[in-house]
Amino acid sequence: MAANVHINNMLFYSFFKTLVGKQVTVELKNDLQIQGTLVSVDQFLNIKLDNISVTDERKYPHMMSVKNCFIRGSVVRYVSLPPQFVDTALLQDAARRDAQAQAGK
């Protein structure tokens, strides 16, 4: 099971690396949504964003003065991406290869 989680994380890590420099929206488990430019992502799916804004400034006024942030991967619920940056054929192929590798074990 741990090997499967590691392979899935590496799939997402590789995908997110292709999105560096793009605008993304990250929703945290506490319902905070942060929009910003993806600066970096690591193998633990920790995310660094620049030029951030929050979607609900009235609920999170303390975030209005923050311009960049580091988000621990374990607190991320969703990452929303512009559709034009998602290569679904590439993701399906990678997921298919992952499933075949798991079936062969």
N, C-alpha and C. Protein backbone atom coordinates (compact mmCIF):
# COMPACT_ATOMS: atom_id res chain seq x y z
N MET A 1 0.82 -1.20 0.00
CA MET A 1 0.00 0.00 0.00
C MET A 1 0.86 1.26 0.00
N ALA A 2 1.92 1.30 0.82
CA ALA A 2 2.77 2.49 0.90
C ALA A 2 3.45 2.75 -0.44
N ALA A 3 3.84 1.71 -1.15
CA ALA A 3 4.47 1.89 -2.46
C ALA A 3 3.48 2.50 -3.45
N ASN A 4 2.22 2.08 -3.38
CA ASN A 4 1.20 2.62 -4.27
C ASN A 4 0.97 4.11 -4.01
N VAL A 5 0.93 4.51 -2.74
CA VAL A 5 0.77 5.92 -2.40
C VAL A 5 1.96 6.71 -2.93
N HIS A 6 3.17 6.16 -2.79
CA HIS A 6 4.37 6.84 -3.28
C HIS A 6 4.32 7.03 -4.79
N ILE A 7 3.90 6.01 -5.52
CA ILE A 7 3.81 6.11 -6.98
C ILE A 7 2.77 7.15 -7.37
N ASN A 8 1.61 7.16 -6.71
CA ASN A 8 0.59 8.16 -7.02
C ASN A 8 1.09 9.56 -6.73
N ASN A 9 1.79 9.75 -5.59
CA ASN A 9 2.35 11.06 -5.27
C ASN A 9 3.34 11.50 -6.33
N MET A 10 4.16 10.58 -6.83
CA MET A 10 5.14 10.94 -7.85
C MET A 10 4.45 11.33 -9.14
N LEU A 11 3.31 10.69 -9.46
CA LEU A 11 2.54 11.05 -10.64
C LEU A 11 2.03 12.49 -10.52
N PHE A 12 1.45 12.81 -9.37
CA PHE A 12 0.96 14.17 -9.15
C PHE A 12 2.12 15.17 -9.09
N TYR A 13 3.21 14.80 -8.44
CA TYR A 13 4.37 15.67 -8.35
C TYR A 13 4.88 16.02 -9.75
N SER A 14 5.02 15.03 -10.60
CA SER A 14 5.49 15.27 -11.97
C SER A 14 4.52 16.16 -12.73
N PHE A 15 3.23 15.94 -12.53
CA PHE A 15 2.22 16.75 -13.20
C PHE A 15 2.28 18.20 -12.71
N PHE A 16 2.31 18.39 -11.39
CA PHE A 16 2.32 19.75 -10.86
C PHE A 16 3.58 20.51 -11.25
N LYS A 17 4.69 19.83 -11.42
CA LYS A 17 5.92 20.51 -11.86
C LYS A 17 5.73 21.16 -13.22
N THR A 18 4.87 20.59 -14.06
CA THR A 18 4.63 21.17 -15.39
C THR A 18 3.79 22.44 -15.30
N LEU A 19 3.19 22.71 -14.13
CA LEU A 19 2.31 23.87 -13.97
C LEU A 19 3.00 25.06 -13.31
N VAL A 20 4.30 24.94 -13.03
CA VAL A 20 5.02 26.05 -12.41
C VAL A 20 4.90 27.28 -13.31
N GLY A 21 4.57 28.42 -12.70
CA GLY A 21 4.36 29.66 -13.44
C GLY A 21 2.92 29.91 -13.84
N LYS A 22 2.04 28.94 -13.60
CA LYS A 22 0.63 29.07 -13.97
C LYS A 22 -0.20 29.47 -12.75
N GLN A 23 -1.37 30.07 -13.02
CA GLN A 23 -2.32 30.44 -11.97
C GLN A 23 -3.09 29.20 -11.52
N VAL A 24 -3.16 28.96 -10.23
CA VAL A 24 -3.93 27.85 -9.67
C VAL A 24 -4.71 28.35 -8.47
N THR A 25 -5.72 27.59 -8.10
CA THR A 25 -6.48 27.85 -6.88
C THR A 25 -6.33 26.62 -5.99
N VAL A 26 -5.89 26.84 -4.76
CA VAL A 26 -5.70 25.76 -3.81
C VAL A 26 -6.76 25.91 -2.71
N GLU A 27 -7.55 24.86 -2.51
CA GLU A 27 -8.52 24.86 -1.42
C GLU A 27 -7.95 24.02 -0.29
N LEU A 28 -7.90 24.62 0.89
CA LEU A 28 -7.37 23.93 2.06
C LEU A 28 -8.49 23.20 2.80
N LYS A 29 -8.11 22.29 3.68
CA LYS A 29 -9.09 21.52 4.43
C LYS A 29 -9.91 22.38 5.38
N ASN A 30 -9.45 23.60 5.69
CA ASN A 30 -10.23 24.51 6.53
C ASN A 30 -11.12 25.43 5.69
N ASP A 31 -11.31 25.10 4.41
CA ASP A 31 -12.18 25.81 3.46
C ASP A 31 -11.59 27.10 2.89
N LEU A 32 -10.39 27.48 3.30
CA LEU A 32 -9.73 28.66 2.73
C LEU A 32 -9.31 28.34 1.30
N GLN A 33 -9.65 29.23 0.35
CA GLN A 33 -9.25 29.07 -1.04
C GLN A 33 -8.27 30.17 -1.37
N ILE A 34 -7.10 29.78 -1.86
CA ILE A 34 -6.03 30.72 -2.18
C ILE A 34 -5.71 30.60 -3.66
N GLN A 35 -5.75 31.74 -4.37
CA GLN A 35 -5.36 31.78 -5.78
C GLN A 35 -3.98 32.40 -5.85
N GLY A 36 -3.16 31.88 -6.76
CA GLY A 36 -1.84 32.46 -6.92
C GLY A 36 -1.08 31.77 -8.03
N THR A 37 0.14 32.26 -8.24
CA THR A 37 1.03 31.68 -9.25
C THR A 37 1.85 30.58 -8.61
N LEU A 38 1.79 29.40 -9.18
CA LEU A 38 2.55 28.26 -8.65
C LEU A 38 4.05 28.51 -8.86
N VAL A 39 4.79 28.57 -7.77
CA VAL A 39 6.23 28.81 -7.83
C VAL A 39 6.99 27.49 -7.76
N SER A 40 6.55 26.61 -6.85
CA SER A 40 7.23 25.33 -6.73
C SER A 40 6.33 24.31 -6.05
N VAL A 41 6.68 23.06 -6.23
CA VAL A 41 6.02 21.94 -5.57
C VAL A 41 7.11 20.91 -5.30
N ASP A 42 7.00 20.19 -4.18
CA ASP A 42 8.00 19.17 -3.89
C ASP A 42 7.36 17.79 -3.84
N GLN A 43 8.18 16.78 -3.55
CA GLN A 43 7.70 15.39 -3.59
C GLN A 43 6.64 15.10 -2.53
N PHE A 44 6.50 15.97 -1.52
CA PHE A 44 5.47 15.81 -0.51
C PHE A 44 4.21 16.59 -0.88
N LEU A 45 4.21 17.16 -2.09
CA LEU A 45 3.13 17.97 -2.63
C LEU A 45 2.91 19.25 -1.82
N ASN A 46 3.98 19.72 -1.15
CA ASN A 46 3.96 21.05 -0.56
C ASN A 46 3.99 22.04 -1.71
N ILE A 47 3.29 23.15 -1.56
CA ILE A 47 3.11 24.10 -2.65
C ILE A 47 3.55 25.49 -2.21
N LYS A 48 4.26 26.19 -3.08
CA LYS A 48 4.60 27.59 -2.84
C LYS A 48 3.90 28.42 -3.91
N LEU A 49 3.18 29.48 -3.45
CA LEU A 49 2.45 30.37 -4.35
C LEU A 49 2.93 31.80 -4.16
N ASP A 50 2.97 32.56 -5.24
CA ASP A 50 3.26 33.99 -5.22
C ASP A 50 2.03 34.75 -5.70
N ASN A 51 2.01 36.06 -5.41
CA ASN A 51 0.92 36.95 -5.86
C ASN A 51 -0.44 36.37 -5.49
N ILE A 52 -0.60 36.02 -4.22
CA ILE A 52 -1.82 35.33 -3.81
C ILE A 52 -2.96 36.29 -3.50
N SER A 53 -4.15 35.74 -3.59
CA SER A 53 -5.36 36.40 -3.11
C SER A 53 -6.28 35.30 -2.60
N VAL A 54 -7.18 35.67 -1.70
CA VAL A 54 -8.14 34.69 -1.20
C VAL A 54 -9.49 34.97 -1.83
N THR A 55 -10.29 33.93 -1.99
CA THR A 55 -11.57 34.10 -2.67
C THR A 55 -12.62 34.76 -1.78
N ASP A 56 -12.46 34.65 -0.46
CA ASP A 56 -13.42 35.25 0.47
C ASP A 56 -12.66 36.17 1.43
N GLU A 57 -12.38 37.39 0.97
CA GLU A 57 -11.58 38.32 1.78
C GLU A 57 -12.31 38.77 3.04
N ARG A 58 -13.64 38.77 3.03
CA ARG A 58 -14.38 39.16 4.24
C ARG A 58 -14.21 38.12 5.35
N LYS A 59 -14.14 36.87 4.96
CA LYS A 59 -13.99 35.80 5.95
C LYS A 59 -12.54 35.69 6.45
N TYR A 60 -11.58 36.06 5.59
CA TYR A 60 -10.16 35.95 5.93
C TYR A 60 -9.45 37.28 5.70
N PRO A 61 -9.84 38.35 6.41
CA PRO A 61 -9.23 39.66 6.16
C PRO A 61 -7.74 39.72 6.46
N HIS A 62 -7.29 38.86 7.38
CA HIS A 62 -5.86 38.84 7.72
C HIS A 62 -4.99 38.35 6.56
N MET A 63 -5.59 37.72 5.57
CA MET A 63 -4.84 37.21 4.43
C MET A 63 -4.65 38.26 3.33
N MET A 64 -5.30 39.40 3.45
CA MET A 64 -5.23 40.42 2.40
C MET A 64 -3.83 41.00 2.25
N SER A 65 -3.04 41.03 3.32
CA SER A 65 -1.71 41.60 3.25
C SER A 65 -0.64 40.58 2.87
N VAL A 66 -1.01 39.32 2.77
CA VAL A 66 -0.05 38.26 2.44
C VAL A 66 0.11 38.20 0.92
N LYS A 67 1.36 38.17 0.46
CA LYS A 67 1.62 38.16 -0.98
C LYS A 67 2.13 36.83 -1.50
N ASN A 68 2.71 36.00 -0.62
CA ASN A 68 3.15 34.67 -1.03
C ASN A 68 2.99 33.73 0.15
N CYS A 69 2.94 32.44 -0.13
CA CYS A 69 2.74 31.49 0.95
C CYS A 69 3.30 30.12 0.59
N PHE A 70 3.55 29.36 1.64
CA PHE A 70 3.96 27.97 1.54
C PHE A 70 2.83 27.14 2.13
N ILE A 71 2.35 26.17 1.40
CA ILE A 71 1.22 25.34 1.86
C ILE A 71 1.69 23.90 2.01
N ARG A 72 1.55 23.39 3.20
CA ARG A 72 1.91 22.00 3.46
C ARG A 72 0.95 21.08 2.70
N GLY A 73 1.48 20.11 2.02
CA GLY A 73 0.67 19.23 1.18
C GLY A 73 -0.44 18.52 1.92
N SER A 74 -0.23 18.20 3.19
CA SER A 74 -1.24 17.45 3.95
C SER A 74 -2.48 18.26 4.28
N VAL A 75 -2.46 19.59 4.09
CA VAL A 75 -3.64 20.41 4.39
C VAL A 75 -4.41 20.79 3.13
N VAL A 76 -3.97 20.31 1.98
CA VAL A 76 -4.63 20.63 0.71
C VAL A 76 -5.80 19.68 0.48
N ARG A 77 -6.96 20.26 0.17
CA ARG A 77 -8.13 19.46 -0.19
C ARG A 77 -8.18 19.30 -1.71
N TYR A 78 -8.10 20.42 -2.44
CA TYR A 78 -8.19 20.42 -3.90
C TYR A 78 -7.20 21.42 -4.47
N VAL A 79 -6.81 21.17 -5.71
CA VAL A 79 -6.09 22.17 -6.50
C VAL A 79 -6.88 22.31 -7.80
N SER A 80 -7.38 23.52 -8.04
CA SER A 80 -8.15 23.79 -9.26
C SER A 80 -7.20 24.37 -10.30
N LEU A 81 -7.31 23.86 -11.50
CA LEU A 81 -6.41 24.25 -12.58
C LEU A 81 -7.21 24.77 -13.77
N PRO A 82 -6.65 25.72 -14.51
CA PRO A 82 -7.30 26.12 -15.76
C PRO A 82 -7.33 24.92 -16.72
N PRO A 83 -8.48 24.63 -17.33
CA PRO A 83 -8.60 23.44 -18.19
C PRO A 83 -7.56 23.37 -19.31
N GLN A 84 -7.13 24.51 -19.83
CA GLN A 84 -6.19 24.49 -20.95
C GLN A 84 -4.81 23.96 -20.55
N PHE A 85 -4.53 23.87 -19.23
CA PHE A 85 -3.23 23.39 -18.78
C PHE A 85 -3.25 21.91 -18.41
N VAL A 86 -4.41 21.27 -18.54
CA VAL A 86 -4.53 19.87 -18.16
C VAL A 86 -4.49 19.01 -19.41
N ASP A 87 -3.45 18.22 -19.53
CA ASP A 87 -3.31 17.29 -20.65
C ASP A 87 -3.91 15.96 -20.21
N THR A 88 -5.21 15.78 -20.46
CA THR A 88 -5.89 14.59 -19.97
C THR A 88 -5.34 13.31 -20.60
N ALA A 89 -4.92 13.36 -21.84
CA ALA A 89 -4.37 12.17 -22.48
C ALA A 89 -3.10 11.72 -21.77
N LEU A 90 -2.25 12.67 -21.40
CA LEU A 90 -1.02 12.34 -20.69
C LEU A 90 -1.33 11.76 -19.31
N LEU A 91 -2.28 12.34 -18.60
CA LEU A 91 -2.65 11.83 -17.28
C LEU A 91 -3.28 10.44 -17.37
N GLN A 92 -4.14 10.23 -18.36
CA GLN A 92 -4.75 8.91 -18.52
C GLN A 92 -3.71 7.86 -18.84
N ASP A 93 -2.76 8.20 -19.69
CA ASP A 93 -1.69 7.27 -20.03
C ASP A 93 -0.85 6.93 -18.81
N ALA A 94 -0.50 7.94 -18.02
CA ALA A 94 0.30 7.70 -16.81
C ALA A 94 -0.48 6.85 -15.81
N ALA A 95 -1.77 7.12 -15.64
CA ALA A 95 -2.60 6.34 -14.73
C ALA A 95 -2.74 4.90 -15.21
N ARG A 96 -2.85 4.73 -16.53
CA ARG A 96 -2.96 3.38 -17.11
C ARG A 96 -1.67 2.60 -16.85
N ARG A 97 -0.51 3.25 -17.07
CA ARG A 97 0.77 2.58 -16.83
C ARG A 97 0.92 2.23 -15.34
N ASP A 98 0.48 3.11 -14.47
CA ASP A 98 0.53 2.86 -13.03
C ASP A 98 -0.33 1.66 -12.66
N ALA A 99 -1.54 1.58 -13.22
CA ALA A 99 -2.44 0.47 -12.93
C ALA A 99 -1.85 -0.84 -13.45
N GLN A 100 -1.22 -0.81 -14.61
CA GLN A 100 -0.59 -2.02 -15.15
C GLN A 100 0.57 -2.46 -14.29
N ALA A 101 1.34 -1.52 -13.79
CA ALA A 101 2.48 -1.84 -12.92
C ALA A 101 1.98 -2.46 -11.62
N GLN A 102 0.87 -1.94 -11.09
CA GLN A 102 0.32 -2.47 -9.85
C GLN A 102 -0.27 -3.87 -10.08
N ALA A 103 -0.87 -4.10 -11.22
CA ALA A 103 -1.45 -5.40 -11.53
C ALA A 103 -0.38 -6.47 -11.70
N GLY A 104 0.79 -6.06 -12.14
CA GLY A 104 1.89 -6.98 -12.36
C GLY A 104 2.59 -7.41 -11.07
N LYS A 105 2.25 -6.79 -9.95
CA LYS A 105 2.91 -7.12 -8.67
C LYS A 105 2.29 -8.30 -8.01
